[in-house]
Amino acid sequence: MSNSGFKLRTAWMPVLALVLIASLSGCQSKQELAVDQAKKQAAATGHAQQIVSVDKNGSTTTTVVQPPAVGETSQAMTTVLTPPAAGTPVPASTGPVISAVPLPPPAPLNVNIPAGTILTIRVDQRISVKTSRAGDTFTGELVEPVTATDNSVLVPKGTPVGGVIDASHKRGHFKGRSLLEMRLTSLTIKGRQYPLETRDLTRSKKGKGKRSTALIAGGSGLGMLVGGLASGGVGVAVGGLAGGGAGTAVAGLTGNRDIDIPAESIVHFTLADDLIVQAAH
């Protein structure tokens, strides 16, 4: 009986070995099949494919298969083994999964904002010849988007801007005139600041009883031209106050008042030079 039992066990050993080999080869074949499939997809689409699997220890194996180069049949492959991060749950094991390697986002396009474009700004703080001095800075935001000819947005509404006061003189300190020069120095789109290299053309207000030559159309469009377009310069026309009624204008156009631009006023700057920025969309 013992001999027959030994013979029976011996007879089953080749069968068990074949089962074990088949099992191991089956695990390998899944990866090999995945690699073959990834190669075909990479060659057909021209895009790299990746094979991702997770073992029982939570380590992730990522194999990237490149499409063949022009005139070649071989395809480059790279494999990276990434263990689970310390302190994080171990991911469940998975078989190989094929997917296209994510493409990098397209490079942002540069767009040209031509000279003569109007930037309509709401200033954040009061600007007055009585309190503001040359070198003081101011901030604001765009209240109307800058658009292209196809109405696509180049600079969105709400874009922050910065500016500087170049000159500020009360009446009597500058040949009887009230003088204010201001210009934009920057705008910020998606965290990137674009400098504006500009200069101002001076505009001033005469004394009592004389209207400034800087007056523009009446009604709700009444305003004062504080800075004008010069060579390489930016002009600024100050319109009616935000929230004010029709005909409301910046104080200081007539009479003895000095130039005063209250906070929340709408100010129109005119670009004198082209400005290149990255598209907002």
Foldseek 3Di string as FASTA:
>chain_A
DVVVVVVVVVVCVVVVVVVVVVVVVVLVVLVVVLVVVQQVVCQVPVFKKWKWWADQQLKIKIKIWHHDDVPDDDIDIDIDIGGDDPPDDRDHTDGIDMDTDDDDDDDFDKDKDAFFDKFKWFWAFKDFLVPDAFFDKTKTWGQCFDADPVRAGQGDGGWIWMKTKHGFHAAPRPPRKTWTDMDTAWTAAPRDIFGQDAGWDIFIAHAAPDFGPQFDDFWQATEGWGTDDDQRHKTKTWGAAVPDHIRHYFPDRHGHDHGMDGGRTIMMITGRGMGMDGGND
